[in-house]
Amino acid sequence: MSEDSLRHVTIERTGAGRFTATNARGGTIGFGTGAGLEGGTDFTPVELLLAAIGGCTAADVDVATGRHAEPDGFTVTVTGDKISDELGNRMTDLAVTFSVTFPDGASGDRARVILPRAVAVSHNRLCTVSRTIEVGTPVTATVADA
């Protein structure tokens, strides 16, 4: 792997069922197991996966359509079913739905025309997160020497 292609986050346990992920730039996000959390509002790892899928493709689509018009509304909903079967725990039937509106006028019309193509290009080529899931890649898990 080259230094340009390597991405990483570090996960630290902050309490029972609670964790903080830190990226290479120092950004952090807290998450948990979804059970027994204060207020129960922390994202679970599965919800972070859904957010990563939606966020990745939303960013692609925003860049493409935003060249033409600032949206009046821009919502991406990501759904899926969490199942447990002979293959283990996993998500199935993942779906990303865009609900985007643009202002009236020529620039909004251009953005509306581009929207379906931008969604398709992101899904089929650009979004690293959903492309990795669809293409599939091995994941290794090891224990570091203490």
Foldseek 3Di string as FASTA:
>chain_A
DDPVPDWDWDWDDPDVQKIWIATPVGDIAIAGCQPPDVVSPGHHPVNVLQCLQQVLLQVQLCVVLVVQFDWPDWDKDWDWDFDQDPVGTDTPPIDIDIDIATDDDDSRVVSVVCRVVSSVCCQPPNRPSNVCVVVDDDDDDDDDDD
